[in-house]
């Protein structure tokens, strides 16, 4: 089973959108892993940061929607 690093710090708990490791662990092994990563990504408030993270996983934003 593939494991992903877990940040148990208070900063990570209270400000998950400040993380910089979205889609940074290589290919996601399942749809469940993709859903978990997208749930974390929902906390990113700056559109340019969001675009950069989505480029890491080869996705794009188009008129407010994310296409896969």
PDB file of N, CA and C in Angstrom:
ATOM      1  N   UNK A   1       0.841  -1.182   0.000  1.00  0.00           N
ATOM      2  CA  UNK A   1       0.000   0.000   0.000  1.00  0.00           C
ATOM      3  C   UNK A   1       0.884   1.243   0.000  1.00  0.00           C
ATOM      4  N   UNK A   2       0.573   2.185  -0.848  1.00  0.00           N
ATOM      5  CA  UNK A   2       1.307   3.437  -0.940  1.00  0.00           C
ATOM      6  C   UNK A   2       0.869   4.368   0.178  1.00  0.00           C
ATOM      7  N   UNK A   3       1.822   4.964   0.855  1.00  0.00           N
ATOM      8  CA  UNK A   3       1.455   5.925   1.898  1.00  0.00           C
ATOM      9  C   UNK A   3       1.934   7.308   1.488  1.00  0.00           C
ATOM     10  N   UNK A   4       1.203   8.312   1.956  1.00  0.00           N
ATOM     11  CA  UNK A   4       1.556   9.705   1.679  1.00  0.00           C
ATOM     12  C   UNK A   4       1.947  10.355   2.999  1.00  0.00           C
ATOM     13  N   UNK A   5       2.881  11.279   2.971  1.00  0.00           N
ATOM     14  CA  UNK A   5       3.272  11.964   4.206  1.00  0.00           C
ATOM     15  C   UNK A   5       2.084  12.700   4.817  1.00  0.00           C
ATOM     16  N   UNK A   6       2.058  12.752   6.138  1.00  0.00           N
ATOM     17  CA  UNK A   6       0.984  13.421   6.860  1.00  0.00           C
ATOM     18  C   UNK A   6       1.587  14.507   7.740  1.00  0.00           C
ATOM     19  N   UNK A   7       1.085  15.717   7.620  1.00  0.00           N
ATOM     20  CA  UNK A   7       1.556  16.844   8.427  1.00  0.00           C
ATOM     21  C   UNK A   7       0.574  17.055   9.573  1.00  0.00           C
ATOM     22  N   UNK A   8       0.985  16.746  10.777  1.00  0.00           N
ATOM     23  CA  UNK A   8       0.102  16.854  11.937  1.00  0.00           C
ATOM     24  C   UNK A   8       0.279  18.167  12.697  1.00  0.00           C
ATOM     25  N   UNK A   9       0.931  19.142  12.076  1.00  0.00           N
ATOM     26  CA  UNK A   9       1.173  20.414  12.758  1.00  0.00           C
ATOM     27  C   UNK A   9      -0.110  21.232  12.876  1.00  0.00           C
ATOM     28  N   UNK A  10      -0.140  22.144  13.845  1.00  0.00           N
ATOM     29  CA  UNK A  10      -1.283  23.041  14.012  1.00  0.00           C
ATOM     30  C   UNK A  10      -1.471  23.916  12.768  1.00  0.00           C
ATOM     31  N   UNK A  11      -0.382  24.373  12.189  1.00  0.00           N
ATOM     32  CA  UNK A  11      -0.470  25.222  10.993  1.00  0.00           C
ATOM     33  C   UNK A  11      -1.185  24.484   9.858  1.00  0.00           C
ATOM     34  N   UNK A  12      -0.850  23.220   9.675  1.00  0.00           N
ATOM     35  CA  UNK A  12      -1.485  22.431   8.626  1.00  0.00           C
ATOM     36  C   UNK A  12      -2.968  22.205   8.923  1.00  0.00           C
ATOM     37  N   UNK A  13      -3.293  22.012  10.176  1.00  0.00           N
ATOM     38  CA  UNK A  13      -4.687  21.787  10.571  1.00  0.00           C
ATOM     39  C   UNK A  13      -5.542  23.035  10.379  1.00  0.00           C
ATOM     40  N   UNK A  14      -5.035  24.178  10.817  1.00  0.00           N
ATOM     41  CA  UNK A  14      -5.828  25.406  10.786  1.00  0.00           C
ATOM     42  C   UNK A  14      -5.732  26.178   9.473  1.00  0.00           C
ATOM     43  N   UNK A  15      -4.706  25.925   8.673  1.00  0.00           N
ATOM     44  CA  UNK A  15      -4.516  26.635   7.399  1.00  0.00           C
ATOM     45  C   UNK A  15      -4.081  25.654   6.305  1.00  0.00           C
ATOM     46  N   UNK A  16      -4.940  24.698   5.952  1.00  0.00           N
ATOM     47  CA  UNK A  16      -4.532  23.688   4.968  1.00  0.00           C
ATOM     48  C   UNK A  16      -4.238  24.263   3.583  1.00  0.00           C
ATOM     49  N   UNK A  17      -4.802  25.404   3.256  1.00  0.00           N
ATOM     50  CA  UNK A  17      -4.552  26.017   1.949  1.00  0.00           C
ATOM     51  C   UNK A  17      -3.170  26.618   1.817  1.00  0.00           C
ATOM     52  N   UNK A  18      -2.443  26.719   2.931  1.00  0.00           N
ATOM     53  CA  UNK A  18      -1.083  27.259   2.884  1.00  0.00           C
ATOM     54  C   UNK A  18      -0.055  26.207   2.488  1.00  0.00           C
ATOM     55  N   UNK A  19      -0.468  24.962   2.391  1.00  0.00           N
ATOM     56  CA  UNK A  19       0.457  23.889   2.000  1.00  0.00           C
ATOM     57  C   UNK A  19       0.995  24.153   0.597  1.00  0.00           C
ATOM     58  N   UNK A  20       2.122  23.536   0.283  1.00  0.00           N
ATOM     59  CA  UNK A  20       2.719  23.706  -1.043  1.00  0.00           C
ATOM     60  C   UNK A  20       3.069  22.351  -1.662  1.00  0.00           C
ATOM     61  N   UNK A  21       2.452  21.295  -1.161  1.00  0.00           N
ATOM     62  CA  UNK A  21       2.794  19.959  -1.658  1.00  0.00           C
ATOM     63  C   UNK A  21       1.652  19.270  -2.391  1.00  0.00           C
ATOM     64  N   UNK A  22       0.689  20.052  -2.891  1.00  0.00           N
ATOM     65  CA  UNK A  22      -0.426  19.459  -3.620  1.00  0.00           C
ATOM     66  C   UNK A  22       0.076  18.769  -4.883  1.00  0.00           C
ATOM     67  N   UNK A  23      -0.367  17.563  -5.115  1.00  0.00           N
ATOM     68  CA  UNK A  23       0.019  16.771  -6.285  1.00  0.00           C
ATOM     69  C   UNK A  23       1.534  16.643  -6.419  1.00  0.00           C
ATOM     70  N   UNK A  24       2.230  16.691  -5.316  1.00  0.00           N
ATOM     71  CA  UNK A  24       3.689  16.638  -5.348  1.00  0.00           C
ATOM     72  C   UNK A  24       4.270  15.272  -5.037  1.00  0.00           C
ATOM     73  N   UNK A  25       3.439  14.236  -5.006  1.00  0.00           N
ATOM     74  CA  UNK A  25       3.921  12.914  -4.616  1.00  0.00           C
ATOM     75  C   UNK A  25       3.861  11.909  -5.755  1.00  0.00           C
ATOM     76  N   UNK A  26       3.840  12.396  -6.975  1.00  0.00           N
ATOM     77  CA  UNK A  26       3.817  11.509  -8.130  1.00  0.00           C
ATOM     78  C   UNK A  26       2.409  11.106  -8.502  1.00  0.00           C
ATOM     79  N   UNK A  27       2.311  10.054  -9.276  1.00  0.00           N
ATOM     80  CA  UNK A  27       1.010   9.585  -9.757  1.00  0.00           C
ATOM     81  C   UNK A  27       0.144   9.132  -8.591  1.00  0.00           C
ATOM     82  N   UNK A  28      -1.111   9.529  -8.623  1.00  0.00           N
ATOM     83  CA  UNK A  28      -2.039   9.118  -7.574  1.00  0.00           C
ATOM     84  C   UNK A  28      -2.517   7.699  -7.872  1.00  0.00           C
ATOM     85  N   UNK A  29      -2.520   6.835  -6.871  1.00  0.00           N
ATOM     86  CA  UNK A  29      -2.797   5.413  -7.108  1.00  0.00           C
ATOM     87  C   UNK A  29      -4.271   5.058  -7.324  1.00  0.00           C
ATOM     88  N   UNK A  30      -5.179   5.982  -7.017  1.00  0.00           N
ATOM     89  CA  UNK A  30      -6.597   5.640  -7.136  1.00  0.00           C
ATOM     90  C   UNK A  30      -7.454   6.897  -7.228  1.00  0.00           C
ATOM     91  N   UNK A  31      -8.722   6.703  -7.561  1.00  0.00           N
ATOM     92  CA  UNK A  31      -9.655   7.821  -7.566  1.00  0.00           C
ATOM     93  C   UNK A  31      -9.842   8.370  -6.156  1.00  0.00           C
ATOM     94  N   UNK A  32      -9.788   7.509  -5.158  1.00  0.00           N
ATOM     95  CA  UNK A  32      -9.916   7.950  -3.766  1.00  0.00           C
ATOM     96  C   UNK A  32      -8.781   8.907  -3.402  1.00  0.00           C
ATOM     97  N   UNK A  33      -7.574   8.599  -3.856  1.00  0.00           N
ATOM     98  CA  UNK A  33      -6.436   9.480  -3.592  1.00  0.00           C
ATOM     99  C   UNK A  33      -6.611  10.813  -4.306  1.00  0.00           C
ATOM    100  N   UNK A  34      -7.141  10.783  -5.538  1.00  0.00           N
ATOM    101  CA  UNK A  34      -7.419  12.016  -6.272  1.00  0.00           C
ATOM    102  C   UNK A  34      -8.449  12.853  -5.524  1.00  0.00           C
ATOM    103  N   UNK A  35      -9.499  12.226  -5.038  1.00  0.00           N
ATOM    104  CA  UNK A  35     -10.537  12.951  -4.291  1.00  0.00           C
ATOM    105  C   UNK A  35      -9.965  13.570  -3.022  1.00  0.00           C
ATOM    106  N   UNK A  36      -9.115  12.849  -2.334  1.00  0.00           N
ATOM    107  CA  UNK A  36      -8.497  13.381  -1.116  1.00  0.00           C
ATOM    108  C   UNK A  36      -7.625  14.593  -1.433  1.00  0.00           C
ATOM    109  N   UNK A  37      -6.861  14.510  -2.505  1.00  0.00           N
ATOM    110  CA  UNK A  37      -5.988  15.625  -2.883  1.00  0.00           C
ATOM    111  C   UNK A  37      -6.808  16.835  -3.332  1.00  0.00           C
ATOM    112  N   UNK A  38      -7.894  16.606  -4.052  1.00  0.00           N
ATOM    113  CA  UNK A  38      -8.766  17.705  -4.477  1.00  0.00           C
ATOM    114  C   UNK A  38      -9.461  18.346  -3.281  1.00  0.00           C
ATOM    115  N   UNK A  39      -9.796  17.542  -2.267  1.00  0.00           N
ATOM    116  CA  UNK A  39     -10.408  18.088  -1.054  1.00  0.00           C
ATOM    117  C   UNK A  39      -9.432  19.023  -0.348  1.00  0.00           C
ATOM    118  N   UNK A  40      -8.167  18.643  -0.310  1.00  0.00           N
ATOM    119  CA  UNK A  40      -7.150  19.532   0.284  1.00  0.00           C
ATOM    120  C   UNK A  40      -7.011  20.801  -0.543  1.00  0.00           C
ATOM    121  N   UNK A  41      -7.054  20.649  -1.856  1.00  0.00           N
ATOM    122  CA  UNK A  41      -6.868  21.776  -2.766  1.00  0.00           C
ATOM    123  C   UNK A  41      -7.997  22.799  -2.652  1.00  0.00           C
ATOM    124  N   UNK A  42      -9.146  22.368  -2.190  1.00  0.00           N
ATOM    125  CA  UNK A  42     -10.291  23.274  -2.048  1.00  0.00           C
ATOM    126  C   UNK A  42      -9.996  24.437  -1.100  1.00  0.00           C
ATOM    127  N   UNK A  43      -9.010  24.298  -0.247  1.00  0.00           N
ATOM    128  CA  UNK A  43      -8.670  25.347   0.713  1.00  0.00           C
ATOM    129  C   UNK A  43      -7.751  26.419   0.145  1.00  0.00           C
ATOM    130  N   UNK A  44      -7.231  26.232  -1.066  1.00  0.00           N
ATOM    131  CA  UNK A  44      -6.369  27.238  -1.693  1.00  0.00           C
ATOM    132  C   UNK A  44      -7.246  28.371  -2.205  1.00  0.00           C
ATOM    133  N   UNK A  45      -6.975  29.582  -1.761  1.00  0.00           N
ATOM    134  CA  UNK A  45      -7.832  30.720  -2.089  1.00  0.00           C
ATOM    135  C   UNK A  45      -7.315  31.565  -3.253  1.00  0.00           C
ATOM    136  N   UNK A  46      -6.036  31.495  -3.546  1.00  0.00           N
ATOM    137  CA  UNK A  46      -5.450  32.319  -4.596  1.00  0.00           C
ATOM    138  C   UNK A  46      -5.503  31.565  -5.928  1.00  0.00           C
ATOM    139  N   UNK A  47      -6.118  32.169  -6.921  1.00  0.00           N
ATOM    140  CA  UNK A  47      -6.336  31.501  -8.201  1.00  0.00           C
ATOM    141  C   UNK A  47      -5.025  31.138  -8.903  1.00  0.00           C
ATOM    142  N   UNK A  48      -4.000  31.963  -8.794  1.00  0.00           N
ATOM    143  CA  UNK A  48      -2.732  31.650  -9.465  1.00  0.00           C
ATOM    144  C   UNK A  48      -2.056  30.443  -8.825  1.00  0.00           C
ATOM    145  N   UNK A  49      -2.122  30.329  -7.506  1.00  0.00           N
ATOM    146  CA  UNK A  49      -1.579  29.140  -6.839  1.00  0.00           C
ATOM    147  C   UNK A  49      -2.371  27.911  -7.246  1.00  0.00           C
ATOM    148  N   UNK A  50      -3.688  28.041  -7.313  1.00  0.00           N
ATOM    149  CA  UNK A  50      -4.529  26.923  -7.714  1.00  0.00           C
ATOM    150  C   UNK A  50      -4.167  26.450  -9.117  1.00  0.00           C
ATOM    151  N   UNK A  51      -3.994  27.373 -10.032  1.00  0.00           N
ATOM    152  CA  UNK A  51      -3.607  27.017 -11.402  1.00  0.00           C
ATOM    153  C   UNK A  51      -2.272  26.278 -11.423  1.00  0.00           C
ATOM    154  N   UNK A  52      -1.318  26.742 -10.627  1.00  0.00           N
ATOM    155  CA  UNK A  52       0.004  26.109 -10.597  1.00  0.00           C
ATOM    156  C   UNK A  52      -0.089  24.669 -10.092  1.00  0.00           C
ATOM    157  N   UNK A  53      -0.881  24.431  -9.056  1.00  0.00           N
ATOM    158  CA  UNK A  53      -1.018  23.071  -8.525  1.00  0.00           C
ATOM    159  C   UNK A  53      -1.727  22.166  -9.518  1.00  0.00           C
ATOM    160  N   UNK A  54      -2.732  22.695 -10.204  1.00  0.00           N
ATOM    161  CA  UNK A  54      -3.439  21.880 -11.181  1.00  0.00           C
ATOM    162  C   UNK A  54      -2.550  21.543 -12.376  1.00  0.00           C
ATOM    163  N   UNK A  55      -1.617  22.421 -12.699  1.00  0.00           N
ATOM    164  CA  UNK A  55      -0.674  22.117 -13.783  1.00  0.00           C
ATOM    165  C   UNK A  55       0.218  20.949 -13.401  1.00  0.00           C
ATOM    166  N   UNK A  56       0.515  20.813 -12.116  1.00  0.00           N
ATOM    167  CA  UNK A  56       1.329  19.681 -11.664  1.00  0.00           C
ATOM    168  C   UNK A  56       0.675  18.353 -12.023  1.00  0.00           C
ATOM    169  N   UNK A  57      -0.649  18.322 -11.978  1.00  0.00           N
ATOM    170  CA  UNK A  57      -1.338  17.065 -12.287  1.00  0.00           C
ATOM    171  C   UNK A  57      -1.982  17.120 -13.666  1.00  0.00           C
ATOM    172  N   UNK A  58      -1.557  18.078 -14.478  1.00  0.00           N
ATOM    173  CA  UNK A  58      -1.995  18.197 -15.871  1.00  0.00           C
ATOM    174  C   UNK A  58      -3.499  18.442 -16.001  1.00  0.00           C
ATOM    175  N   UNK A  59      -4.032  19.309 -15.141  1.00  0.00           N
ATOM    176  CA  UNK A  59      -5.432  19.712 -15.206  1.00  0.00           C
ATOM    177  C   UNK A  59      -5.471  21.214 -15.460  1.00  0.00           C
ATOM    178  N   UNK A  60      -6.647  21.750 -15.760  1.00  0.00           N
ATOM    179  CA  UNK A  60      -6.742  23.181 -16.013  1.00  0.00           C
ATOM    180  C   UNK A  60      -8.071  23.736 -15.515  1.00  0.00           C
ATOM    181  N   UNK A  61      -8.097  25.036 -15.278  1.00  0.00           N
ATOM    182  CA  UNK A  61      -9.321  25.726 -14.894  1.00  0.00           C
ATOM    183  C   UNK A  61      -9.844  26.427 -16.140  1.00  0.00           C
ATOM    184  N   UNK A  62     -11.116  26.287 -16.392  1.00  0.00           N
ATOM    185  CA  UNK A  62     -11.727  26.948 -17.539  1.00  0.00           C
ATOM    186  C   UNK A  62     -13.039  27.562 -17.085  1.00  0.00           C
ATOM    187  N   UNK A  63     -13.069  28.875 -17.033  1.00  0.00           N
ATOM    188  CA  UNK A  63     -14.259  29.618 -16.644  1.00  0.00           C
ATOM    189  C   UNK A  63     -14.853  29.120 -15.326  1.00  0.00           C
ATOM    190  N   UNK A  64     -13.993  28.933 -14.353  1.00  0.00           N
ATOM    191  CA  UNK A  64     -14.454  28.574 -13.021  1.00  0.00           C
ATOM    192  C   UNK A  64     -14.633  27.091 -12.762  1.00  0.00           C
ATOM    193  N   UNK A  65     -14.380  26.240 -13.770  1.00  0.00           N
ATOM    194  CA  UNK A  65     -14.530  24.806 -13.591  1.00  0.00           C
ATOM    195  C   UNK A  65     -13.191  24.122 -13.810  1.00  0.00           C
ATOM    196  N   UNK A  66     -13.009  22.986 -13.164  1.00  0.00           N
ATOM    197  CA  UNK A  66     -11.796  22.195 -13.338  1.00  0.00           C
ATOM    198  C   UNK A  66     -12.122  21.039 -14.272  1.00  0.00           C
ATOM    199  N   UNK A  67     -11.306  20.867 -15.314  1.00  0.00           N
ATOM    200  CA  UNK A  67     -11.518  19.785 -16.263  1.00  0.00           C
ATOM    201  C   UNK A  67     -10.437  18.729 -16.100  1.00  0.00           C
ATOM    202  N   UNK A  68     -10.840  17.471 -16.166  1.00  0.00           N
ATOM    203  CA  UNK A  68      -9.903  16.348 -16.061  1.00  0.00           C
ATOM    204  C   UNK A  68      -9.832  15.606 -17.357  1.00  0.00           C
TER     205      UNK A  68
END
